[in-house]
Amino acid sequence: MSDRFASHTPSLTGPASAAFSITPSDSADLPETTRALYVGIGGDLRVAMASGQVVTFEGVPDGCLLPIRAVRVHAAGTSAGGIIGLA
């Protein structure tokens, strides 16, 4: 399969090239820092940012894409579901 963008350097303004399912955890970090989170089922989302700051996004709607660099999605304080990390 041809990839016309294979020679382009990845950047934070470009599209994601990898994705992984996220199970919220209060003790385990994500396998890698995200460039965005997709929330399939809306609700509250409590995350630890790459900076170390912990923040809760309240009332995230279904199908929302949050362009955030997260290192953990906390179980406590998260009611959203179907969360996918984009890298």
N, C-alpha and C. Protein backbone atom coordinates (compact mmCIF):
# COMPACT_ATOMS: atom_id res chain seq x y z
N MET A 1 0.84 -1.16 0.00
CA MET A 1 0.00 0.00 0.00
C MET A 1 0.90 1.23 0.00
N SER A 2 0.57 2.16 -0.80
CA SER A 2 1.34 3.39 -0.90
C SER A 2 0.95 4.36 0.23
N ASP A 3 1.91 5.12 0.72
CA ASP A 3 1.68 6.14 1.76
C ASP A 3 2.38 7.41 1.31
N ARG A 4 1.61 8.33 0.78
CA ARG A 4 2.20 9.54 0.23
C ARG A 4 2.82 10.44 1.29
N PHE A 5 2.56 10.18 2.56
CA PHE A 5 3.10 11.01 3.63
C PHE A 5 4.23 10.33 4.39
N ALA A 6 4.70 9.20 3.92
CA ALA A 6 5.74 8.44 4.61
C ALA A 6 7.03 9.24 4.80
N SER A 7 7.32 10.16 3.91
CA SER A 7 8.56 10.93 4.02
C SER A 7 8.40 12.21 4.84
N HIS A 8 7.19 12.48 5.32
CA HIS A 8 6.95 13.67 6.15
C HIS A 8 7.27 13.37 7.61
N THR A 9 7.86 14.33 8.29
CA THR A 9 8.17 14.19 9.70
C THR A 9 6.87 14.33 10.51
N PRO A 10 6.59 13.39 11.43
CA PRO A 10 5.39 13.51 12.27
C PRO A 10 5.46 14.77 13.13
N SER A 11 4.31 15.39 13.33
CA SER A 11 4.26 16.58 14.18
C SER A 11 2.95 16.59 14.94
N LEU A 12 2.86 17.45 15.94
CA LEU A 12 1.63 17.55 16.72
C LEU A 12 0.48 18.15 15.93
N THR A 13 0.77 18.82 14.83
CA THR A 13 -0.29 19.39 14.02
C THR A 13 -0.76 18.43 12.93
N GLY A 14 -0.04 17.34 12.75
CA GLY A 14 -0.42 16.35 11.75
C GLY A 14 -1.34 15.29 12.34
N PRO A 15 -1.88 14.43 11.50
CA PRO A 15 -2.78 13.39 11.98
C PRO A 15 -2.04 12.32 12.79
N ALA A 16 -2.79 11.66 13.65
CA ALA A 16 -2.22 10.58 14.45
C ALA A 16 -1.86 9.40 13.55
N SER A 17 -0.85 8.65 13.96
CA SER A 17 -0.46 7.48 13.17
C SER A 17 -0.63 6.18 13.97
N ALA A 18 -1.06 6.28 15.22
CA ALA A 18 -1.29 5.10 16.05
C ALA A 18 -2.45 5.38 17.00
N ALA A 19 -3.11 4.30 17.44
CA ALA A 19 -4.23 4.42 18.38
C ALA A 19 -4.23 3.22 19.31
N PHE A 20 -4.76 3.42 20.52
CA PHE A 20 -4.85 2.33 21.48
C PHE A 20 -6.02 2.57 22.42
N SER A 21 -6.68 1.47 22.82
CA SER A 21 -7.79 1.55 23.77
C SER A 21 -7.26 1.90 25.15
N ILE A 22 -8.06 2.64 25.89
CA ILE A 22 -7.66 3.06 27.23
C ILE A 22 -8.66 2.55 28.26
N THR A 23 -8.14 1.86 29.26
CA THR A 23 -8.92 1.50 30.44
C THR A 23 -8.46 2.41 31.56
N PRO A 24 -9.35 3.28 32.05
CA PRO A 24 -8.94 4.21 33.11
C PRO A 24 -8.36 3.47 34.32
N SER A 25 -7.31 4.06 34.91
CA SER A 25 -6.62 3.48 36.06
C SER A 25 -6.08 4.60 36.93
N ASP A 26 -6.19 4.42 38.23
CA ASP A 26 -5.63 5.41 39.15
C ASP A 26 -4.17 5.16 39.46
N SER A 27 -3.62 4.04 38.97
CA SER A 27 -2.23 3.71 39.31
C SER A 27 -1.32 3.49 38.10
N ALA A 28 -1.88 3.25 36.92
CA ALA A 28 -1.05 2.93 35.75
C ALA A 28 -1.09 4.05 34.71
N ASP A 29 0.09 4.45 34.26
CA ASP A 29 0.17 5.43 33.18
C ASP A 29 -0.17 4.75 31.86
N LEU A 30 -0.47 5.56 30.85
CA LEU A 30 -0.74 5.06 29.51
C LEU A 30 0.56 4.52 28.90
N PRO A 31 0.47 3.65 27.90
CA PRO A 31 1.69 3.11 27.29
C PRO A 31 2.53 4.18 26.60
N GLU A 32 1.91 5.28 26.20
CA GLU A 32 2.65 6.41 25.66
C GLU A 32 1.81 7.68 25.82
N THR A 33 2.47 8.81 25.80
CA THR A 33 1.78 10.10 25.91
C THR A 33 0.96 10.31 24.65
N THR A 34 -0.27 10.77 24.83
CA THR A 34 -1.16 10.96 23.68
C THR A 34 -0.95 12.30 23.01
N ARG A 35 -1.43 12.40 21.79
CA ARG A 35 -1.55 13.70 21.14
C ARG A 35 -3.01 14.14 21.14
N ALA A 36 -3.91 13.16 21.41
CA ALA A 36 -5.34 13.44 21.53
C ALA A 36 -6.03 12.24 22.17
N LEU A 37 -7.21 12.49 22.72
CA LEU A 37 -8.08 11.43 23.24
C LEU A 37 -9.41 11.50 22.52
N TYR A 38 -9.89 10.34 22.10
CA TYR A 38 -11.24 10.24 21.54
C TYR A 38 -12.13 9.66 22.62
N VAL A 39 -13.28 10.29 22.85
CA VAL A 39 -14.24 9.83 23.85
C VAL A 39 -15.49 9.38 23.12
N GLY A 40 -15.74 8.08 23.10
CA GLY A 40 -16.90 7.53 22.39
C GLY A 40 -18.20 7.73 23.13
N ILE A 41 -18.16 7.53 24.46
CA ILE A 41 -19.35 7.68 25.31
C ILE A 41 -19.07 8.82 26.27
N GLY A 42 -19.83 9.87 26.15
CA GLY A 42 -19.59 11.09 26.91
C GLY A 42 -19.72 10.95 28.42
N GLY A 43 -19.18 11.91 29.11
CA GLY A 43 -19.20 11.97 30.57
C GLY A 43 -18.03 12.80 31.05
N ASP A 44 -17.68 12.63 32.30
CA ASP A 44 -16.52 13.34 32.85
C ASP A 44 -15.25 12.54 32.57
N LEU A 45 -14.14 13.25 32.38
CA LEU A 45 -12.87 12.62 32.07
C LEU A 45 -11.78 13.28 32.91
N ARG A 46 -11.20 12.50 33.82
CA ARG A 46 -10.13 13.00 34.69
C ARG A 46 -8.81 12.46 34.19
N VAL A 47 -7.89 13.36 33.83
CA VAL A 47 -6.62 12.96 33.24
C VAL A 47 -5.45 13.64 33.92
N ALA A 48 -4.30 12.97 33.83
CA ALA A 48 -3.02 13.59 34.19
C ALA A 48 -2.38 14.03 32.88
N MET A 49 -2.07 15.30 32.80
CA MET A 49 -1.47 15.87 31.59
C MET A 49 0.02 15.57 31.57
N ALA A 50 0.65 15.75 30.42
CA ALA A 50 2.08 15.54 30.28
C ALA A 50 2.86 16.43 31.25
N SER A 51 2.31 17.57 31.60
CA SER A 51 2.95 18.50 32.54
C SER A 51 2.89 18.01 33.98
N GLY A 52 2.04 16.99 34.26
CA GLY A 52 1.84 16.49 35.61
C GLY A 52 0.56 17.02 36.25
N GLN A 53 -0.04 18.05 35.66
CA GLN A 53 -1.28 18.61 36.17
C GLN A 53 -2.42 17.61 35.98
N VAL A 54 -3.27 17.47 37.00
CA VAL A 54 -4.45 16.61 36.91
C VAL A 54 -5.66 17.52 36.75
N VAL A 55 -6.47 17.21 35.75
CA VAL A 55 -7.63 18.05 35.45
C VAL A 55 -8.81 17.16 35.08
N THR A 56 -10.02 17.64 35.40
CA THR A 56 -11.24 16.93 35.02
C THR A 56 -11.98 17.74 33.97
N PHE A 57 -12.22 17.10 32.83
CA PHE A 57 -13.04 17.70 31.79
C PHE A 57 -14.47 17.23 32.06
N GLU A 58 -15.35 18.16 32.40
CA GLU A 58 -16.72 17.82 32.77
C GLU A 58 -17.65 17.86 31.56
N GLY A 59 -18.52 16.87 31.48
CA GLY A 59 -19.55 16.84 30.44
C GLY A 59 -19.01 16.74 29.02
N VAL A 60 -17.98 15.93 28.83
CA VAL A 60 -17.45 15.72 27.48
C VAL A 60 -18.53 15.01 26.66
N PRO A 61 -18.88 15.52 25.49
CA PRO A 61 -19.95 14.88 24.71
C PRO A 61 -19.50 13.60 24.00
N ASP A 62 -20.46 12.77 23.62
CA ASP A 62 -20.19 11.57 22.83
C ASP A 62 -19.41 11.95 21.56
N GLY A 63 -18.44 11.13 21.20
CA GLY A 63 -17.73 11.32 19.94
C GLY A 63 -16.79 12.51 19.91
N CYS A 64 -16.36 12.96 21.07
CA CYS A 64 -15.50 14.14 21.16
C CYS A 64 -14.02 13.78 21.00
N LEU A 65 -13.28 14.63 20.33
CA LEU A 65 -11.84 14.48 20.19
C LEU A 65 -11.18 15.62 20.95
N LEU A 66 -10.43 15.27 22.01
CA LEU A 66 -9.74 16.27 22.82
C LEU A 66 -8.26 16.29 22.44
N PRO A 67 -7.75 17.38 21.92
CA PRO A 67 -6.34 17.46 21.51
C PRO A 67 -5.44 17.72 22.71
N ILE A 68 -5.27 16.70 23.55
CA ILE A 68 -4.50 16.88 24.79
C ILE A 68 -3.38 15.83 24.89
N ARG A 69 -2.29 16.22 25.53
CA ARG A 69 -1.14 15.33 25.78
C ARG A 69 -1.33 14.76 27.19
N ALA A 70 -1.93 13.59 27.27
CA ALA A 70 -2.23 12.95 28.54
C ALA A 70 -1.30 11.77 28.78
N VAL A 71 -0.97 11.53 30.07
CA VAL A 71 -0.14 10.38 30.44
C VAL A 71 -0.92 9.35 31.25
N ARG A 72 -2.10 9.76 31.74
CA ARG A 72 -2.95 8.83 32.50
C ARG A 72 -4.40 9.28 32.41
N VAL A 73 -5.31 8.31 32.33
CA VAL A 73 -6.74 8.58 32.47
C VAL A 73 -7.14 7.91 33.77
N HIS A 74 -7.55 8.71 34.73
CA HIS A 74 -7.90 8.22 36.06
C HIS A 74 -9.27 7.52 36.05
N ALA A 75 -9.38 6.45 36.84
CA ALA A 75 -10.66 5.76 37.00
C ALA A 75 -11.59 6.60 37.89
N ALA A 76 -11.06 7.06 39.02
CA ALA A 76 -11.85 7.90 39.93
C ALA A 76 -12.07 9.25 39.25
N GLY A 77 -13.31 9.64 39.12
CA GLY A 77 -13.62 10.92 38.49
C GLY A 77 -13.90 10.83 37.00
N THR A 78 -13.76 9.62 36.43
CA THR A 78 -14.05 9.43 35.00
C THR A 78 -15.32 8.60 34.85
N SER A 79 -16.31 9.18 34.16
CA SER A 79 -17.53 8.44 33.85
C SER A 79 -17.66 8.21 32.34
N ALA A 80 -16.81 8.85 31.56
CA ALA A 80 -16.81 8.67 30.10
C ALA A 80 -16.31 7.26 29.76
N GLY A 81 -16.65 6.80 28.58
CA GLY A 81 -16.23 5.47 28.14
C GLY A 81 -15.83 5.46 26.68
N GLY A 82 -15.41 4.30 26.22
CA GLY A 82 -14.98 4.17 24.83
C GLY A 82 -13.84 5.11 24.51
N ILE A 83 -12.86 5.18 25.42
CA ILE A 83 -11.76 6.14 25.30
C ILE A 83 -10.62 5.51 24.49
N ILE A 84 -10.15 6.25 23.50
CA ILE A 84 -9.05 5.81 22.65
C ILE A 84 -7.97 6.87 22.65
N GLY A 85 -6.74 6.42 22.88
CA GLY A 85 -5.58 7.32 22.83
C GLY A 85 -5.05 7.38 21.41
N LEU A 86 -4.77 8.57 20.93
CA LEU A 86 -4.19 8.76 19.60
C LEU A 86 -2.77 9.28 19.77
N ALA A 87 -1.84 8.70 19.03
CA ALA A 87 -0.43 9.08 19.16
C ALA A 87 0.16 9.31 17.78
